[in-house]
Amino acid sequence: MEYVMIGLLAFAIILLICSFFMKDPYKIIREEIDQLSIKQIQDMYIIKKKLKVLEEELLVNDIEFQSVSTIRPHPLSYEKKEIHDIIKNQVWSLVQQGLTVDQIAKQSSLTPDEVESILAEKIGRG
């Protein structure tokens, strides 16, 4: 029995020493994966830089296009702002309370002209 134990111990020591000198079969695969990951990260960095340059060029071209194509006066001079019915009813109720056009304009965040047009519309309807 002693010889068996000594033989197993010697065999274990020999295997341990051999394991230090054996080549790791997965080491090459790990190195290839690392190289592939680094290459992928570098490629993504280059793509992001190119995309950023393209976006800046498009933004500059868009700004130039807007400055040339959209030279118009203030939009309120041509377009009449649509006033909601609730605000029109509020203006009418303030008129019935006896407030002036300027007071109504301040309270409702409208211009005096808008208040007067609401009143004219309401009076026109009856």
C-alpha atoms as a PDB file:
ATOM      1  CA  MET A   1       0.000   0.000   0.000  1.00  0.00           C
ATOM      2  CA  GLU A   2       2.868   2.362   0.712  1.00  0.00           C
ATOM      3  CA  TYR A   3       4.283   1.798  -2.720  1.00  0.00           C
ATOM      4  CA  VAL A   4       0.976   2.642  -4.318  1.00  0.00           C
ATOM      5  CA  MET A   5       0.739   5.912  -2.366  1.00  0.00           C
ATOM      6  CA  ILE A   6       4.309   6.882  -3.170  1.00  0.00           C
ATOM      7  CA  GLY A   7       3.770   5.978  -6.829  1.00  0.00           C
ATOM      8  CA  LEU A   8       0.577   8.112  -7.027  1.00  0.00           C
ATOM      9  CA  LEU A   9       2.329  11.038  -5.331  1.00  0.00           C
ATOM     10  CA  ALA A  10       5.281  10.782  -7.747  1.00  0.00           C
ATOM     11  CA  PHE A  11       2.879  10.581 -10.679  1.00  0.00           C
ATOM     12  CA  ALA A  12       1.036  13.698  -9.428  1.00  0.00           C
ATOM     13  CA  ILE A  13       4.316  15.614  -9.084  1.00  0.00           C
ATOM     14  CA  ILE A  14       5.363  14.611 -12.607  1.00  0.00           C
ATOM     15  CA  LEU A  15       1.980  15.765 -14.002  1.00  0.00           C
ATOM     16  CA  LEU A  16       2.307  19.054 -12.129  1.00  0.00           C
ATOM     17  CA  ILE A  17       5.763  19.692 -13.567  1.00  0.00           C
ATOM     18  CA  CYS A  18       4.552  18.758 -17.072  1.00  0.00           C
ATOM     19  CA  SER A  19       1.627  21.181 -16.779  1.00  0.00           C
ATOM     20  CA  PHE A  20       4.041  24.090 -16.345  1.00  0.00           C
ATOM     21  CA  PHE A  21       5.829  23.250 -19.591  1.00  0.00           C
ATOM     22  CA  MET A  22       2.780  22.435 -21.696  1.00  0.00           C
ATOM     23  CA  LYS A  23       1.441  25.010 -24.099  1.00  0.00           C
ATOM     24  CA  ASP A  24      -1.968  26.540 -23.338  1.00  0.00           C
ATOM     25  CA  PRO A  25      -4.274  25.531 -26.237  1.00  0.00           C
ATOM     26  CA  TYR A  26      -6.665  28.446 -25.601  1.00  0.00           C
ATOM     27  CA  LYS A  27      -3.981  31.134 -25.381  1.00  0.00           C
ATOM     28  CA  ILE A  28      -3.870  31.603 -29.153  1.00  0.00           C
ATOM     29  CA  ILE A  29      -7.665  31.842 -29.358  1.00  0.00           C
ATOM     30  CA  ARG A  30      -7.747  34.437 -26.549  1.00  0.00           C
ATOM     31  CA  GLU A  31      -5.088  36.528 -28.295  1.00  0.00           C
ATOM     32  CA  GLU A  32      -7.017  36.401 -31.574  1.00  0.00           C
ATOM     33  CA  ILE A  33     -10.209  37.487 -29.829  1.00  0.00           C
ATOM     34  CA  ASP A  34      -8.361  40.368 -28.156  1.00  0.00           C
ATOM     35  CA  GLN A  35      -6.905  41.480 -31.482  1.00  0.00           C
ATOM     36  CA  LEU A  36     -10.318  41.266 -33.115  1.00  0.00           C
ATOM     37  CA  SER A  37     -11.900  43.329 -30.325  1.00  0.00           C
ATOM     38  CA  ILE A  38      -9.215  46.000 -30.598  1.00  0.00           C
ATOM     39  CA  LYS A  39      -9.639  46.140 -34.383  1.00  0.00           C
ATOM     40  CA  GLN A  40     -13.410  46.472 -34.013  1.00  0.00           C
ATOM     41  CA  ILE A  41     -13.072  49.317 -31.503  1.00  0.00           C
ATOM     42  CA  GLN A  42     -10.637  51.132 -33.794  1.00  0.00           C
ATOM     43  CA  ASP A  43     -12.990  50.737 -36.742  1.00  0.00           C
ATOM     44  CA  MET A  44     -15.919  52.080 -34.712  1.00  0.00           C
ATOM     45  CA  TYR A  45     -13.829  55.082 -33.667  1.00  0.00           C
ATOM     46  CA  ILE A  46     -12.943  55.849 -37.293  1.00  0.00           C
ATOM     47  CA  ILE A  47     -16.584  55.489 -38.378  1.00  0.00           C
ATOM     48  CA  LYS A  48     -17.755  57.812 -35.611  1.00  0.00           C
ATOM     49  CA  LYS A  49     -15.187  60.435 -36.598  1.00  0.00           C
ATOM     50  CA  LYS A  50     -16.273  60.273 -40.239  1.00  0.00           C
ATOM     51  CA  LEU A  51     -19.936  60.466 -39.243  1.00  0.00           C
ATOM     52  CA  LYS A  52     -19.260  63.519 -37.101  1.00  0.00           C
ATOM     53  CA  VAL A  53     -17.502  65.249 -40.000  1.00  0.00           C
ATOM     54  CA  LEU A  54     -20.418  64.438 -42.318  1.00  0.00           C
ATOM     55  CA  GLU A  55     -22.966  65.736 -39.810  1.00  0.00           C
ATOM     56  CA  GLU A  56     -21.027  68.979 -39.442  1.00  0.00           C
ATOM     57  CA  GLU A  57     -20.879  69.390 -43.214  1.00  0.00           C
ATOM     58  CA  LEU A  58     -24.604  68.749 -43.499  1.00  0.00           C
ATOM     59  CA  LEU A  59     -25.305  71.197 -40.700  1.00  0.00           C
ATOM     60  CA  VAL A  60     -23.207  73.893 -42.374  1.00  0.00           C
ATOM     61  CA  ASN A  61     -24.878  73.231 -45.716  1.00  0.00           C
ATOM     62  CA  ASP A  62     -28.306  73.318 -44.040  1.00  0.00           C
ATOM     63  CA  ILE A  63     -27.546  76.653 -42.363  1.00  0.00           C
ATOM     64  CA  GLU A  64     -26.333  78.114 -45.661  1.00  0.00           C
ATOM     65  CA  PHE A  65     -29.461  76.780 -47.387  1.00  0.00           C
ATOM     66  CA  GLN A  66     -31.738  78.261 -44.742  1.00  0.00           C
ATOM     67  CA  SER A  67     -30.038  81.639 -44.812  1.00  0.00           C
ATOM     68  CA  VAL A  68     -30.421  81.850 -48.592  1.00  0.00           C
ATOM     69  CA  SER A  69     -33.862  80.326 -49.013  1.00  0.00           C
ATOM     70  CA  THR A  70     -35.825  81.581 -46.018  1.00  0.00           C
ATOM     71  CA  ILE A  71     -35.486  85.326 -46.029  1.00  0.00           C
ATOM     72  CA  ARG A  72     -38.983  86.390 -44.981  1.00  0.00           C
ATOM     73  CA  PRO A  73     -40.409  89.068 -42.747  1.00  0.00           C
ATOM     74  CA  HIS A  74     -41.852  88.299 -39.365  1.00  0.00           C
ATOM     75  CA  PRO A  75     -44.474  85.523 -39.686  1.00  0.00           C
ATOM     76  CA  LEU A  76     -47.098  87.372 -37.644  1.00  0.00           C
ATOM     77  CA  SER A  77     -47.329  90.108 -40.269  1.00  0.00           C
ATOM     78  CA  TYR A  78     -48.796  87.690 -42.829  1.00  0.00           C
ATOM     79  CA  GLU A  79     -50.428  85.015 -40.716  1.00  0.00           C
ATOM     80  CA  LYS A  80     -53.240  85.659 -38.279  1.00  0.00           C
ATOM     81  CA  LYS A  81     -52.775  83.751 -35.050  1.00  0.00           C
ATOM     82  CA  GLU A  82     -55.674  81.385 -34.344  1.00  0.00           C
ATOM     83  CA  ILE A  83     -57.270  82.123 -30.990  1.00  0.00           C
ATOM     84  CA  HIS A  84     -58.943  79.295 -29.137  1.00  0.00           C
ATOM     85  CA  ASP A  85     -62.656  79.480 -28.322  1.00  0.00           C
ATOM     86  CA  ILE A  86     -62.008  79.195 -24.598  1.00  0.00           C
ATOM     87  CA  ILE A  87     -59.901  82.353 -24.685  1.00  0.00           C
ATOM     88  CA  LYS A  88     -62.589  84.090 -26.735  1.00  0.00           C
ATOM     89  CA  ASN A  89     -65.193  83.155 -24.107  1.00  0.00           C
ATOM     90  CA  GLN A  90     -62.871  84.375 -21.355  1.00  0.00           C
ATOM     91  CA  VAL A  91     -62.430  87.722 -23.156  1.00  0.00           C
ATOM     92  CA  TRP A  92     -66.197  88.065 -23.529  1.00  0.00           C
ATOM     93  CA  SER A  93     -66.782  87.325 -19.842  1.00  0.00           C
ATOM     94  CA  LEU A  94     -64.167  89.925 -18.862  1.00  0.00           C
ATOM     95  CA  VAL A  95     -65.920  92.482 -21.066  1.00  0.00           C
ATOM     96  CA  GLN A  96     -69.206  91.712 -19.330  1.00  0.00           C
ATOM     97  CA  GLN A  97     -67.446  92.308 -15.982  1.00  0.00           C
ATOM     98  CA  GLY A  98     -66.610  95.828 -17.184  1.00  0.00           C
ATOM     99  CA  LEU A  99     -62.883  95.588 -17.820  1.00  0.00           C
ATOM    100  CA  THR A 100     -61.196  97.714 -20.475  1.00  0.00           C
ATOM    101  CA  VAL A 101     -59.539  96.322 -23.601  1.00  0.00           C
ATOM    102  CA  ASP A 102     -56.056  96.997 -22.204  1.00  0.00           C
ATOM    103  CA  GLN A 103     -56.852  95.197 -18.930  1.00  0.00           C
ATOM    104  CA  ILE A 104     -58.239  92.224 -20.840  1.00  0.00           C
ATOM    105  CA  ALA A 105     -55.160  92.157 -23.074  1.00  0.00           C
ATOM    106  CA  LYS A 106     -52.875  92.025 -20.031  1.00  0.00           C
ATOM    107  CA  GLN A 107     -54.870  89.275 -18.335  1.00  0.00           C
ATOM    108  CA  SER A 108     -55.284  87.087 -21.419  1.00  0.00           C
ATOM    109  CA  SER A 109     -51.797  87.595 -22.927  1.00  0.00           C
ATOM    110  CA  LEU A 110     -53.297  88.961 -26.117  1.00  0.00           C
ATOM    111  CA  THR A 111     -52.674  92.195 -27.937  1.00  0.00           C
ATOM    112  CA  PRO A 112     -55.337  94.901 -27.744  1.00  0.00           C
ATOM    113  CA  ASP A 113     -55.952  94.444 -31.474  1.00  0.00           C
ATOM    114  CA  GLU A 114     -56.673  90.752 -30.941  1.00  0.00           C
ATOM    115  CA  VAL A 115     -59.046  91.546 -28.084  1.00  0.00           C
ATOM    116  CA  GLU A 116     -60.884  94.059 -30.255  1.00  0.00           C
ATOM    117  CA  SER A 117     -61.138  91.564 -33.130  1.00  0.00           C
ATOM    118  CA  ILE A 118     -62.589  88.965 -30.735  1.00  0.00           C
ATOM    119  CA  LEU A 119     -65.142  91.494 -29.492  1.00  0.00           C
ATOM    120  CA  ALA A 120     -66.045  92.526 -33.044  1.00  0.00           C
ATOM    121  CA  GLU A 121     -66.486  88.890 -33.999  1.00  0.00           C
ATOM    122  CA  LYS A 122     -68.637  88.199 -30.947  1.00  0.00           C
ATOM    123  CA  ILE A 123     -70.774  91.288 -31.533  1.00  0.00           C
ATOM    124  CA  GLY A 124     -71.097  90.395 -35.237  1.00  0.00           C
ATOM    125  CA  ARG A 125     -72.503  86.976 -34.311  1.00  0.00           C
ATOM    126  CA  GLY A 126     -74.915  88.441 -31.850  1.00  0.00           C
END
